[in-house]
């Protein structure tokens, strides 16, 4: 099995709704996120790639146009946790790359969440 990944950076704000008022994530705050797209394949194309990294540009454009410097509560349909961001990006990216294995989201240097099917 072959695997590739590429990271993309973005910044945005959000509020985790429904948390107690004493929880810091219930207040408006933001993160400098890292989104990592991970693709798997048992075969390579004629050039020796799963996907050419350059061909992942639509993922960067999706992040830049729809998430970067936005308020996530205005973008995502429900929750705005790292897990929910990973799922939202996965479902959109899977339409482009059938080799998509998972999306990983990091809010801080020591944390990450991922979504796969």
PDB file of N, CA and C in Angstrom:
ATOM      1  N   UNK A   1       0.851  -1.176   0.000  1.00  0.00           N
ATOM      2  CA  UNK A   1       0.000   0.000   0.000  1.00  0.00           C
ATOM      3  C   UNK A   1       0.893   1.234   0.000  1.00  0.00           C
ATOM      4  N   UNK A   2       0.574   2.161  -0.867  1.00  0.00           N
ATOM      5  CA  UNK A   2       1.272   3.442  -0.932  1.00  0.00           C
ATOM      6  C   UNK A   2       0.439   4.483  -0.196  1.00  0.00           C
ATOM      7  N   UNK A   3       1.107   5.465   0.387  1.00  0.00           N
ATOM      8  CA  UNK A   3       0.408   6.541   1.103  1.00  0.00           C
ATOM      9  C   UNK A   3       1.162   7.846   0.878  1.00  0.00           C
ATOM     10  N   UNK A   4       0.415   8.913   0.635  1.00  0.00           N
ATOM     11  CA  UNK A   4       0.989  10.259   0.588  1.00  0.00           C
ATOM     12  C   UNK A   4       0.152  11.162   1.486  1.00  0.00           C
ATOM     13  N   UNK A   5       0.747  12.264   1.884  1.00  0.00           N
ATOM     14  CA  UNK A   5       0.004  13.272   2.639  1.00  0.00           C
ATOM     15  C   UNK A   5       0.595  14.642   2.348  1.00  0.00           C
ATOM     16  N   UNK A   6      -0.221  15.625   2.552  1.00  0.00           N
ATOM     17  CA  UNK A   6       0.224  17.006   2.386  1.00  0.00           C
ATOM     18  C   UNK A   6      -0.542  17.860   3.389  1.00  0.00           C
ATOM     19  N   UNK A   7       0.156  18.827   3.967  1.00  0.00           N
ATOM     20  CA  UNK A   7      -0.450  19.701   4.965  1.00  0.00           C
ATOM     21  C   UNK A   7      -0.745  21.076   4.379  1.00  0.00           C
ATOM     22  N   UNK A   8      -1.833  21.653   4.893  1.00  0.00           N
ATOM     23  CA  UNK A   8      -2.272  22.986   4.505  1.00  0.00           C
ATOM     24  C   UNK A   8      -2.621  23.755   5.772  1.00  0.00           C
ATOM     25  N   UNK A   9      -2.277  25.026   5.806  1.00  0.00           N
ATOM     26  CA  UNK A   9      -2.491  25.843   7.001  1.00  0.00           C
ATOM     27  C   UNK A   9      -3.607  26.857   6.765  1.00  0.00           C
ATOM     28  N   UNK A  10      -4.384  27.095   7.829  1.00  0.00           N
ATOM     29  CA  UNK A  10      -5.418  28.126   7.769  1.00  0.00           C
ATOM     30  C   UNK A  10      -5.725  28.605   9.184  1.00  0.00           C
ATOM     31  N   UNK A  11      -6.298  29.778   9.272  1.00  0.00           N
ATOM     32  CA  UNK A  11      -6.679  30.375  10.554  1.00  0.00           C
ATOM     33  C   UNK A  11      -8.143  30.752  10.504  1.00  0.00           C
ATOM     34  N   UNK A  12      -8.846  30.494  11.586  1.00  0.00           N
ATOM     35  CA  UNK A  12     -10.248  30.896  11.656  1.00  0.00           C
ATOM     36  C   UNK A  12     -10.715  30.900  13.105  1.00  0.00           C
ATOM     37  N   UNK A  13     -11.897  31.456  13.298  1.00  0.00           N
ATOM     38  CA  UNK A  13     -12.485  31.539  14.630  1.00  0.00           C
ATOM     39  C   UNK A  13     -13.691  30.611  14.721  1.00  0.00           C
ATOM     40  N   UNK A  14     -14.089  30.354  15.960  1.00  0.00           N
ATOM     41  CA  UNK A  14     -15.321  29.599  16.185  1.00  0.00           C
ATOM     42  C   UNK A  14     -15.712  29.673  17.651  1.00  0.00           C
ATOM     43  N   UNK A  15     -16.898  29.190  17.919  1.00  0.00           N
ATOM     44  CA  UNK A  15     -17.423  28.999  19.263  1.00  0.00           C
ATOM     45  C   UNK A  15     -17.961  27.575  19.289  1.00  0.00           C
ATOM     46  N   UNK A  16     -17.597  26.813  20.304  1.00  0.00           N
ATOM     47  CA  UNK A  16     -18.180  25.484  20.466  1.00  0.00           C
ATOM     48  C   UNK A  16     -19.469  25.688  21.255  1.00  0.00           C
ATOM     49  N   UNK A  17     -20.573  25.589  20.558  1.00  0.00           N
ATOM     50  CA  UNK A  17     -21.871  25.871  21.175  1.00  0.00           C
ATOM     51  C   UNK A  17     -22.328  24.729  22.065  1.00  0.00           C
ATOM     52  N   UNK A  18     -23.044  25.080  23.134  1.00  0.00           N
ATOM     53  CA  UNK A  18     -23.604  24.092  24.042  1.00  0.00           C
ATOM     54  C   UNK A  18     -22.725  23.767  25.235  1.00  0.00           C
ATOM     55  N   UNK A  19     -21.487  24.236  25.235  1.00  0.00           N
ATOM     56  CA  UNK A  19     -20.609  23.998  26.371  1.00  0.00           C
ATOM     57  C   UNK A  19     -21.001  24.916  27.527  1.00  0.00           C
ATOM     58  N   UNK A  20     -20.672  24.558  28.753  1.00  0.00           N
ATOM     59  CA  UNK A  20     -20.939  25.461  29.883  1.00  0.00           C
ATOM     60  C   UNK A  20     -20.219  26.793  29.691  1.00  0.00           C
ATOM     61  N   UNK A  21     -20.788  27.857  30.209  1.00  0.00           N
ATOM     62  CA  UNK A  21     -20.171  29.186  30.083  1.00  0.00           C
ATOM     63  C   UNK A  21     -18.763  29.234  30.667  1.00  0.00           C
ATOM     64  N   UNK A  22     -18.468  28.345  31.589  1.00  0.00           N
ATOM     65  CA  UNK A  22     -17.148  28.330  32.225  1.00  0.00           C
ATOM     66  C   UNK A  22     -16.081  27.676  31.345  1.00  0.00           C
ATOM     67  N   UNK A  23     -16.496  26.984  30.300  1.00  0.00           N
ATOM     68  CA  UNK A  23     -15.536  26.322  29.408  1.00  0.00           C
ATOM     69  C   UNK A  23     -14.972  27.350  28.435  1.00  0.00           C
ATOM     70  N   UNK A  24     -13.645  27.435  28.324  1.00  0.00           N
ATOM     71  CA  UNK A  24     -13.037  28.475  27.485  1.00  0.00           C
ATOM     72  C   UNK A  24     -13.434  28.360  26.016  1.00  0.00           C
ATOM     73  N   UNK A  25     -13.778  27.164  25.545  1.00  0.00           N
ATOM     74  CA  UNK A  25     -14.160  27.002  24.134  1.00  0.00           C
ATOM     75  C   UNK A  25     -15.593  27.452  23.856  1.00  0.00           C
ATOM     76  N   UNK A  26     -16.326  27.816  24.907  1.00  0.00           N
ATOM     77  CA  UNK A  26     -17.674  28.347  24.698  1.00  0.00           C
ATOM     78  C   UNK A  26     -17.631  29.822  24.300  1.00  0.00           C
ATOM     79  N   UNK A  27     -16.449  30.417  24.435  1.00  0.00           N
ATOM     80  CA  UNK A  27     -16.267  31.819  24.047  1.00  0.00           C
ATOM     81  C   UNK A  27     -15.618  31.896  22.664  1.00  0.00           C
ATOM     82  N   UNK A  28     -15.793  33.019  22.009  1.00  0.00           N
ATOM     83  CA  UNK A  28     -15.182  33.241  20.700  1.00  0.00           C
ATOM     84  C   UNK A  28     -13.667  33.104  20.822  1.00  0.00           C
ATOM     85  N   UNK A  29     -13.100  32.266  19.965  1.00  0.00           N
ATOM     86  CA  UNK A  29     -11.649  32.078  19.947  1.00  0.00           C
ATOM     87  C   UNK A  29     -11.257  31.560  18.573  1.00  0.00           C
ATOM     88  N   UNK A  30      -9.973  31.452  18.333  1.00  0.00           N
ATOM     89  CA  UNK A  30      -9.501  30.980  17.041  1.00  0.00           C
ATOM     90  C   UNK A  30      -8.290  30.089  17.161  1.00  0.00           C
ATOM     91  N   UNK A  31      -7.957  29.469  16.040  1.00  0.00           N
ATOM     92  CA  UNK A  31      -6.802  28.575  15.975  1.00  0.00           C
ATOM     93  C   UNK A  31      -6.068  28.794  14.661  1.00  0.00           C
ATOM     94  N   UNK A  32      -4.812  28.457  14.670  1.00  0.00           N
ATOM     95  CA  UNK A  32      -4.033  28.319  13.445  1.00  0.00           C
ATOM     96  C   UNK A  32      -4.000  26.826  13.155  1.00  0.00           C
ATOM     97  N   UNK A  33      -4.898  26.394  12.292  1.00  0.00           N
ATOM     98  CA  UNK A  33      -5.099  24.978  12.021  1.00  0.00           C
ATOM     99  C   UNK A  33      -4.107  24.452  10.990  1.00  0.00           C
ATOM    100  N   UNK A  34      -3.897  23.141  11.059  1.00  0.00           N
ATOM    101  CA  UNK A  34      -3.215  22.402  10.005  1.00  0.00           C
ATOM    102  C   UNK A  34      -4.184  21.321   9.548  1.00  0.00           C
ATOM    103  N   UNK A  35      -4.475  21.302   8.267  1.00  0.00           N
ATOM    104  CA  UNK A  35      -5.287  20.242   7.674  1.00  0.00           C
ATOM    105  C   UNK A  35      -4.355  19.368   6.860  1.00  0.00           C
ATOM    106  N   UNK A  36      -4.403  18.083   7.123  1.00  0.00           N
ATOM    107  CA  UNK A  36      -3.566  17.137   6.393  1.00  0.00           C
ATOM    108  C   UNK A  36      -4.458  16.202   5.598  1.00  0.00           C
ATOM    109  N   UNK A  37      -4.222  16.137   4.308  1.00  0.00           N
ATOM    110  CA  UNK A  37      -4.955  15.222   3.436  1.00  0.00           C
ATOM    111  C   UNK A  37      -4.069  13.993   3.227  1.00  0.00           C
ATOM    112  N   UNK A  38      -4.657  12.814   3.395  1.00  0.00           N
ATOM    113  CA  UNK A  38      -3.904  11.560   3.322  1.00  0.00           C
ATOM    114  C   UNK A  38      -4.589  10.658   2.297  1.00  0.00           C
ATOM    115  N   UNK A  39      -3.832  10.228   1.305  1.00  0.00           N
ATOM    116  CA  UNK A  39      -4.365   9.375   0.242  1.00  0.00           C
ATOM    117  C   UNK A  39      -3.607   8.055   0.211  1.00  0.00           C
ATOM    118  N   UNK A  40      -4.343   6.969  -0.011  1.00  0.00           N
ATOM    119  CA  UNK A  40      -3.779   5.626  -0.104  1.00  0.00           C
ATOM    120  C   UNK A  40      -4.111   5.011  -1.449  1.00  0.00           C
ATOM    121  N   UNK A  41      -3.235   4.152  -1.934  1.00  0.00           N
ATOM    122  CA  UNK A  41      -3.516   3.401  -3.151  1.00  0.00           C
ATOM    123  C   UNK A  41      -2.633   2.164  -3.209  1.00  0.00           C
ATOM    124  N   UNK A  42      -3.167   1.122  -3.774  1.00  0.00           N
ATOM    125  CA  UNK A  42      -2.372  -0.086  -3.983  1.00  0.00           C
ATOM    126  C   UNK A  42      -1.566  -0.014  -5.278  1.00  0.00           C
ATOM    127  N   UNK A  43      -1.893   0.966  -6.121  1.00  0.00           N
ATOM    128  CA  UNK A  43      -1.184   1.118  -7.390  1.00  0.00           C
ATOM    129  C   UNK A  43      -0.753   2.560  -7.574  1.00  0.00           C
ATOM    130  N   UNK A  44       0.179   2.745  -8.490  1.00  0.00           N
ATOM    131  CA  UNK A  44       0.649   4.078  -8.845  1.00  0.00           C
ATOM    132  C   UNK A  44       0.277   4.363 -10.286  1.00  0.00           C
ATOM    133  N   UNK A  45       0.191   5.640 -10.622  1.00  0.00           N
ATOM    134  CA  UNK A  45      -0.115   5.989 -12.010  1.00  0.00           C
ATOM    135  C   UNK A  45       1.137   5.819 -12.879  1.00  0.00           C
ATOM    136  N   UNK A  46       1.031   6.196 -14.126  1.00  0.00           N
ATOM    137  CA  UNK A  46       2.137   6.002 -15.075  1.00  0.00           C
ATOM    138  C   UNK A  46       3.395   6.766 -14.714  1.00  0.00           C
ATOM    139  N   UNK A  47       3.268   7.784 -13.827  1.00  0.00           N
ATOM    140  CA  UNK A  47       4.421   8.589 -13.424  1.00  0.00           C
ATOM    141  C   UNK A  47       5.005   8.136 -12.090  1.00  0.00           C
ATOM    142  N   UNK A  48       4.355   7.158 -11.457  1.00  0.00           N
ATOM    143  CA  UNK A  48       4.817   6.688 -10.157  1.00  0.00           C
ATOM    144  C   UNK A  48       4.186   7.415  -8.984  1.00  0.00           C
ATOM    145  N   UNK A  49       3.041   8.076  -9.221  1.00  0.00           N
ATOM    146  CA  UNK A  49       2.346   8.826  -8.173  1.00  0.00           C
ATOM    147  C   UNK A  49       1.035   8.147  -7.796  1.00  0.00           C
ATOM    148  N   UNK A  50       0.600   8.355  -6.543  1.00  0.00           N
ATOM    149  CA  UNK A  50      -0.810   8.129  -6.204  1.00  0.00           C
ATOM    150  C   UNK A  50      -1.585   9.277  -6.825  1.00  0.00           C
ATOM    151  N   UNK A  51      -1.162  10.483  -6.465  1.00  0.00           N
ATOM    152  CA  UNK A  51      -1.657  11.738  -7.041  1.00  0.00           C
ATOM    153  C   UNK A  51      -0.469  12.692  -7.014  1.00  0.00           C
ATOM    154  N   UNK A  52      -0.265  13.428  -8.057  1.00  0.00           N
ATOM    155  CA  UNK A  52       0.778  14.454  -8.076  1.00  0.00           C
ATOM    156  C   UNK A  52       0.413  15.501  -7.016  1.00  0.00           C
ATOM    157  N   UNK A  53       1.353  15.855  -6.165  1.00  0.00           N
ATOM    158  CA  UNK A  53       1.069  16.853  -5.122  1.00  0.00           C
ATOM    159  C   UNK A  53       0.493  18.131  -5.710  1.00  0.00           C
ATOM    160  N   UNK A  54       0.938  18.495  -6.879  1.00  0.00           N
ATOM    161  CA  UNK A  54       0.410  19.696  -7.536  1.00  0.00           C
ATOM    162  C   UNK A  54      -1.089  19.575  -7.794  1.00  0.00           C
ATOM    163  N   UNK A  55      -1.560  18.362  -8.021  1.00  0.00           N
ATOM    164  CA  UNK A  55      -2.980  18.145  -8.297  1.00  0.00           C
ATOM    165  C   UNK A  55      -3.852  18.217  -7.051  1.00  0.00           C
ATOM    166  N   UNK A  56      -3.241  18.464  -5.882  1.00  0.00           N
ATOM    167  CA  UNK A  56      -4.005  18.682  -4.648  1.00  0.00           C
ATOM    168  C   UNK A  56      -4.373  20.150  -4.465  1.00  0.00           C
ATOM    169  N   UNK A  57      -4.042  20.964  -5.448  1.00  0.00           N
ATOM    170  CA  UNK A  57      -4.351  22.399  -5.369  1.00  0.00           C
ATOM    171  C   UNK A  57      -5.827  22.686  -5.080  1.00  0.00           C
ATOM    172  N   UNK A  58      -6.788  21.935  -5.627  1.00  0.00           N
ATOM    173  CA  UNK A  58      -8.186  22.202  -5.295  1.00  0.00           C
ATOM    174  C   UNK A  58      -8.491  22.093  -3.789  1.00  0.00           C
ATOM    175  N   UNK A  59      -7.747  21.258  -3.072  1.00  0.00           N
ATOM    176  CA  UNK A  59      -7.936  21.158  -1.624  1.00  0.00           C
ATOM    177  C   UNK A  59      -7.476  22.448  -0.955  1.00  0.00           C
ATOM    178  N   UNK A  60      -6.337  22.955  -1.388  1.00  0.00           N
ATOM    179  CA  UNK A  60      -5.853  24.240  -0.862  1.00  0.00           C
ATOM    180  C   UNK A  60      -6.839  25.359  -1.169  1.00  0.00           C
ATOM    181  N   UNK A  61      -7.361  25.367  -2.374  1.00  0.00           N
ATOM    182  CA  UNK A  61      -8.324  26.404  -2.746  1.00  0.00           C
ATOM    183  C   UNK A  61      -9.608  26.300  -1.924  1.00  0.00           C
ATOM    184  N   UNK A  62     -10.052  25.080  -1.636  1.00  0.00           N
ATOM    185  CA  UNK A  62     -11.227  24.875  -0.804  1.00  0.00           C
ATOM    186  C   UNK A  62     -10.997  25.485   0.581  1.00  0.00           C
ATOM    187  N   UNK A  63      -9.845  25.199   1.154  1.00  0.00           N
ATOM    188  CA  UNK A  63      -9.506  25.737   2.472  1.00  0.00           C
ATOM    189  C   UNK A  63      -9.383  27.253   2.422  1.00  0.00           C
ATOM    190  N   UNK A  64      -8.632  27.761   1.438  1.00  0.00           N
ATOM    191  CA  UNK A  64      -8.415  29.203   1.340  1.00  0.00           C
ATOM    192  C   UNK A  64      -9.716  29.964   1.112  1.00  0.00           C
ATOM    193  N   UNK A  65     -10.575  29.438   0.260  1.00  0.00           N
ATOM    194  CA  UNK A  65     -11.794  30.155  -0.109  1.00  0.00           C
ATOM    195  C   UNK A  65     -12.940  30.002   0.895  1.00  0.00           C
ATOM    196  N   UNK A  66     -12.961  28.886   1.613  1.00  0.00           N
ATOM    197  CA  UNK A  66     -14.126  28.612   2.452  1.00  0.00           C
ATOM    198  C   UNK A  66     -13.858  28.587   3.946  1.00  0.00           C
ATOM    199  N   UNK A  67     -12.602  28.413   4.366  1.00  0.00           N
ATOM    200  CA  UNK A  67     -12.304  28.322   5.790  1.00  0.00           C
ATOM    201  C   UNK A  67     -11.366  29.407   6.300  1.00  0.00           C
ATOM    202  N   UNK A  68     -10.336  29.721   5.535  1.00  0.00           N
ATOM    203  CA  UNK A  68      -9.300  30.625   6.028  1.00  0.00           C
ATOM    204  C   UNK A  68      -9.857  32.005   6.347  1.00  0.00           C
ATOM    205  N   UNK A  69      -9.558  32.463   7.563  1.00  0.00           N
ATOM    206  CA  UNK A  69      -9.983  33.769   8.070  1.00  0.00           C
ATOM    207  C   UNK A  69     -11.505  33.945   8.011  1.00  0.00           C
ATOM    208  N   UNK A  70     -12.199  32.870   8.339  1.00  0.00           N
ATOM    209  CA  UNK A  70     -13.661  32.888   8.439  1.00  0.00           C
ATOM    210  C   UNK A  70     -14.050  32.485   9.861  1.00  0.00           C
ATOM    211  N   UNK A  71     -15.336  32.667  10.145  1.00  0.00           N
ATOM    212  CA  UNK A  71     -15.914  32.211  11.408  1.00  0.00           C
ATOM    213  C   UNK A  71     -16.598  30.877  11.118  1.00  0.00           C
ATOM    214  N   UNK A  72     -16.057  29.788  11.655  1.00  0.00           N
ATOM    215  CA  UNK A  72     -16.529  28.447  11.316  1.00  0.00           C
ATOM    216  C   UNK A  72     -18.018  28.236  11.575  1.00  0.00           C
ATOM    217  N   UNK A  73     -18.565  28.916  12.575  1.00  0.00           N
ATOM    218  CA  UNK A  73     -19.996  28.764  12.862  1.00  0.00           C
ATOM    219  C   UNK A  73     -20.857  29.254  11.708  1.00  0.00           C
ATOM    220  N   UNK A  74     -20.301  30.099  10.848  1.00  0.00           N
ATOM    221  CA  UNK A  74     -21.025  30.578   9.667  1.00  0.00           C
ATOM    222  C   UNK A  74     -20.806  29.674   8.453  1.00  0.00           C
ATOM    223  N   UNK A  75     -19.880  28.714   8.545  1.00  0.00           N
ATOM    224  CA  UNK A  75     -19.505  27.886   7.398  1.00  0.00           C
ATOM    225  C   UNK A  75     -19.997  26.446   7.544  1.00  0.00           C
ATOM    226  N   UNK A  76     -19.691  25.829   8.668  1.00  0.00           N
ATOM    227  CA  UNK A  76     -20.027  24.417   8.862  1.00  0.00           C
ATOM    228  C   UNK A  76     -21.496  24.259   9.227  1.00  0.00           C
ATOM    229  N   UNK A  77     -22.110  23.158   8.824  1.00  0.00           N
ATOM    230  CA  UNK A  77     -23.539  22.986   9.046  1.00  0.00           C
ATOM    231  C   UNK A  77     -23.932  22.733  10.496  1.00  0.00           C
ATOM    232  N   UNK A  78     -23.007  22.236  11.320  1.00  0.00           N
ATOM    233  CA  UNK A  78     -23.374  21.974  12.718  1.00  0.00           C
ATOM    234  C   UNK A  78     -22.182  22.256  13.614  1.00  0.00           C
ATOM    235  N   UNK A  79     -21.564  21.234  14.158  1.00  0.00           N
ATOM    236  CA  UNK A  79     -20.453  21.397  15.097  1.00  0.00           C
ATOM    237  C   UNK A  79     -19.230  22.006  14.413  1.00  0.00           C
ATOM    238  N   UNK A  80     -18.390  22.646  15.224  1.00  0.00           N
ATOM    239  CA  UNK A  80     -17.173  23.267  14.690  1.00  0.00           C
ATOM    240  C   UNK A  80     -15.914  22.718  15.351  1.00  0.00           C
ATOM    241  N   UNK A  81     -16.012  21.542  15.917  1.00  0.00           N
ATOM    242  CA  UNK A  81     -14.847  20.889  16.527  1.00  0.00           C
ATOM    243  C   UNK A  81     -13.867  20.459  15.432  1.00  0.00           C
ATOM    244  N   UNK A  82     -12.660  20.115  15.846  1.00  0.00           N
ATOM    245  CA  UNK A  82     -11.675  19.606  14.883  1.00  0.00           C
ATOM    246  C   UNK A  82     -12.200  18.353  14.193  1.00  0.00           C
ATOM    247  N   UNK A  83     -12.914  17.515  14.935  1.00  0.00           N
ATOM    248  CA  UNK A  83     -13.494  16.305  14.362  1.00  0.00           C
ATOM    249  C   UNK A  83     -14.497  16.644  13.262  1.00  0.00           C
ATOM    250  N   UNK A  84     -15.321  17.661  13.520  1.00  0.00           N
ATOM    251  CA  UNK A  84     -16.339  18.064  12.542  1.00  0.00           C
ATOM    252  C   UNK A  84     -15.710  18.703  11.307  1.00  0.00           C
ATOM    253  N   UNK A  85     -14.651  19.470  11.497  1.00  0.00           N
ATOM    254  CA  UNK A  85     -13.941  20.059  10.357  1.00  0.00           C
ATOM    255  C   UNK A  85     -13.353  18.947   9.494  1.00  0.00           C
ATOM    256  N   UNK A  86     -12.746  17.945  10.138  1.00  0.00           N
ATOM    257  CA  UNK A  86     -12.157  16.823   9.404  1.00  0.00           C
ATOM    258  C   UNK A  86     -13.218  16.096   8.584  1.00  0.00           C
ATOM    259  N   UNK A  87     -14.372  15.846   9.171  1.00  0.00           N
ATOM    260  CA  UNK A  87     -15.438  15.162   8.440  1.00  0.00           C
ATOM    261  C   UNK A  87     -15.938  16.011   7.268  1.00  0.00           C
ATOM    262  N   UNK A  88     -16.137  17.295   7.496  1.00  0.00           N
ATOM    263  CA  UNK A  88     -16.633  18.206   6.454  1.00  0.00           C
ATOM    264  C   UNK A  88     -15.666  18.240   5.267  1.00  0.00           C
ATOM    265  N   UNK A  89     -14.375  18.375   5.558  1.00  0.00           N
ATOM    266  CA  UNK A  89     -13.386  18.390   4.486  1.00  0.00           C
ATOM    267  C   UNK A  89     -13.299  17.031   3.790  1.00  0.00           C
ATOM    268  N   UNK A  90     -13.371  15.957   4.548  1.00  0.00           N
ATOM    269  CA  UNK A  90     -13.297  14.622   3.959  1.00  0.00           C
ATOM    270  C   UNK A  90     -14.412  14.409   2.946  1.00  0.00           C
ATOM    271  N   UNK A  91     -15.616  14.714   3.335  1.00  0.00           N
ATOM    272  CA  UNK A  91     -16.762  14.462   2.445  1.00  0.00           C
ATOM    273  C   UNK A  91     -16.670  15.278   1.164  1.00  0.00           C
ATOM    274  N   UNK A  92     -16.107  16.439   1.229  1.00  0.00           N
ATOM    275  CA  UNK A  92     -15.948  17.266   0.033  1.00  0.00           C
ATOM    276  C   UNK A  92     -14.770  16.786  -0.809  1.00  0.00           C
ATOM    277  N   UNK A  93     -13.652  16.448  -0.157  1.00  0.00           N
ATOM    278  CA  UNK A  93     -12.461  16.017  -0.893  1.00  0.00           C
ATOM    279  C   UNK A  93     -12.653  14.630  -1.514  1.00  0.00           C
ATOM    280  N   UNK A  94     -13.450  13.786  -0.902  1.00  0.00           N
ATOM    281  CA  UNK A  94     -13.659  12.432  -1.421  1.00  0.00           C
ATOM    282  C   UNK A  94     -14.311  12.467  -2.798  1.00  0.00           C
ATOM    283  N   UNK A  95     -15.052  13.525  -3.076  1.00  0.00           N
ATOM    284  CA  UNK A  95     -15.684  13.676  -4.388  1.00  0.00           C
ATOM    285  C   UNK A  95     -14.641  13.909  -5.479  1.00  0.00           C
ATOM    286  N   UNK A  96     -13.477  14.418  -5.092  1.00  0.00           N
ATOM    287  CA  UNK A  96     -12.408  14.722  -6.047  1.00  0.00           C
ATOM    288  C   UNK A  96     -11.402  13.579  -6.129  1.00  0.00           C
ATOM    289  N   UNK A  97     -11.025  13.028  -4.974  1.00  0.00           N
ATOM    290  CA  UNK A  97      -9.985  12.001  -4.917  1.00  0.00           C
ATOM    291  C   UNK A  97     -10.538  10.724  -4.283  1.00  0.00           C
ATOM    292  N   UNK A  98     -10.854   9.725  -5.088  1.00  0.00           N
ATOM    293  CA  UNK A  98     -11.351   8.466  -4.524  1.00  0.00           C
ATOM    294  C   UNK A  98     -10.304   7.745  -3.668  1.00  0.00           C
ATOM    295  N   UNK A  99      -9.031   8.107  -3.815  1.00  0.00           N
ATOM    296  CA  UNK A  99      -7.961   7.493  -3.028  1.00  0.00           C
ATOM    297  C   UNK A  99      -7.880   8.071  -1.612  1.00  0.00           C
ATOM    298  N   UNK A 100      -8.734   9.042  -1.291  1.00  0.00           N
ATOM    299  CA  UNK A 100      -8.672   9.697   0.015  1.00  0.00           C
ATOM    300  C   UNK A 100      -8.863   8.679   1.129  1.00  0.00           C
ATOM    301  N   UNK A 101      -7.918   8.638   2.057  1.00  0.00           N
ATOM    302  CA  UNK A 101      -7.988   7.722   3.197  1.00  0.00           C
ATOM    303  C   UNK A 101      -8.494   8.423   4.442  1.00  0.00           C
ATOM    304  N   UNK A 102      -8.007   9.642   4.699  1.00  0.00           N
ATOM    305  CA  UNK A 102      -8.422  10.373   5.891  1.00  0.00           C
ATOM    306  C   UNK A 102      -8.009  11.827   5.793  1.00  0.00           C
ATOM    307  N   UNK A 103      -8.658  12.616   6.605  1.00  0.00           N
ATOM    308  CA  UNK A 103      -8.291  14.017   6.806  1.00  0.00           C
ATOM    309  C   UNK A 103      -7.952  14.171   8.277  1.00  0.00           C
ATOM    310  N   UNK A 104      -6.848  14.813   8.533  1.00  0.00           N
ATOM    311  CA  UNK A 104      -6.415  15.073   9.905  1.00  0.00           C
ATOM    312  C   UNK A 104      -6.383  16.573  10.133  1.00  0.00           C
ATOM    313  N   UNK A 105      -6.903  17.006  11.276  1.00  0.00           N
ATOM    314  CA  UNK A 105      -6.937  18.422  11.644  1.00  0.00           C
ATOM    315  C   UNK A 105      -6.207  18.622  12.959  1.00  0.00           C
ATOM    316  N   UNK A 106      -5.320  19.593  12.983  1.00  0.00           N
ATOM    317  CA  UNK A 106      -4.615  19.951  14.206  1.00  0.00           C
ATOM    318  C   UNK A 106      -4.967  21.387  14.575  1.00  0.00           C
ATOM    319  N   UNK A 107      -5.378  21.573  15.836  1.00  0.00           N
ATOM    320  CA  UNK A 107      -5.662  22.921  16.351  1.00  0.00           C
ATOM    321  C   UNK A 107      -4.452  23.510  17.057  1.00  0.00           C
ATOM    322  N   UNK A 108      -3.668  22.629  17.646  1.00  0.00           N
ATOM    323  CA  UNK A 108      -2.486  23.041  18.402  1.00  0.00           C
ATOM    324  C   UNK A 108      -1.360  22.062  18.077  1.00  0.00           C
ATOM    325  N   UNK A 109      -0.123  22.417  18.404  1.00  0.00           N
ATOM    326  CA  UNK A 109       0.979  21.507  18.096  1.00  0.00           C
ATOM    327  C   UNK A 109       0.852  20.126  18.742  1.00  0.00           C
ATOM    328  N   UNK A 110       0.084  20.011  19.829  1.00  0.00           N
ATOM    329  CA  UNK A 110      -0.009  18.734  20.522  1.00  0.00           C
ATOM    330  C   UNK A 110      -1.302  17.980  20.332  1.00  0.00           C
ATOM    331  N   UNK A 111      -2.193  18.470  19.451  1.00  0.00           N
ATOM    332  CA  UNK A 111      -3.487  17.808  19.299  1.00  0.00           C
ATOM    333  C   UNK A 111      -3.831  17.626  17.822  1.00  0.00           C
ATOM    334  N   UNK A 112      -4.615  16.580  17.547  1.00  0.00           N
ATOM    335  CA  UNK A 112      -5.157  16.384  16.210  1.00  0.00           C
ATOM    336  C   UNK A 112      -6.384  15.497  16.310  1.00  0.00           C
ATOM    337  N   UNK A 113      -7.237  15.626  15.304  1.00  0.00           N
ATOM    338  CA  UNK A 113      -8.409  14.771  15.141  1.00  0.00           C
ATOM    339  C   UNK A 113      -8.434  14.345  13.688  1.00  0.00           C
ATOM    340  N   UNK A 114      -8.981  13.171  13.411  1.00  0.00           N
ATOM    341  CA  UNK A 114      -9.041  12.741  12.027  1.00  0.00           C
ATOM    342  C   UNK A 114     -10.382  12.088  11.738  1.00  0.00           C
ATOM    343  N   UNK A 115     -10.724  12.106  10.447  1.00  0.00           N
ATOM    344  CA  UNK A 115     -11.948  11.458   9.989  1.00  0.00           C
ATOM    345  C   UNK A 115     -11.602  10.595   8.782  1.00  0.00           C
ATOM    346  N   UNK A 116     -12.167   9.386   8.774  1.00  0.00           N
ATOM    347  CA  UNK A 116     -12.054   8.485   7.631  1.00  0.00           C
ATOM    348  C   UNK A 116     -13.333   7.665   7.562  1.00  0.00           C
ATOM    349  N   UNK A 117     -13.540   7.023   6.440  1.00  0.00           N
ATOM    350  CA  UNK A 117     -14.705   6.148   6.319  1.00  0.00           C
ATOM    351  C   UNK A 117     -14.248   4.706   6.289  1.00  0.00           C
TER     352      UNK A 117
END
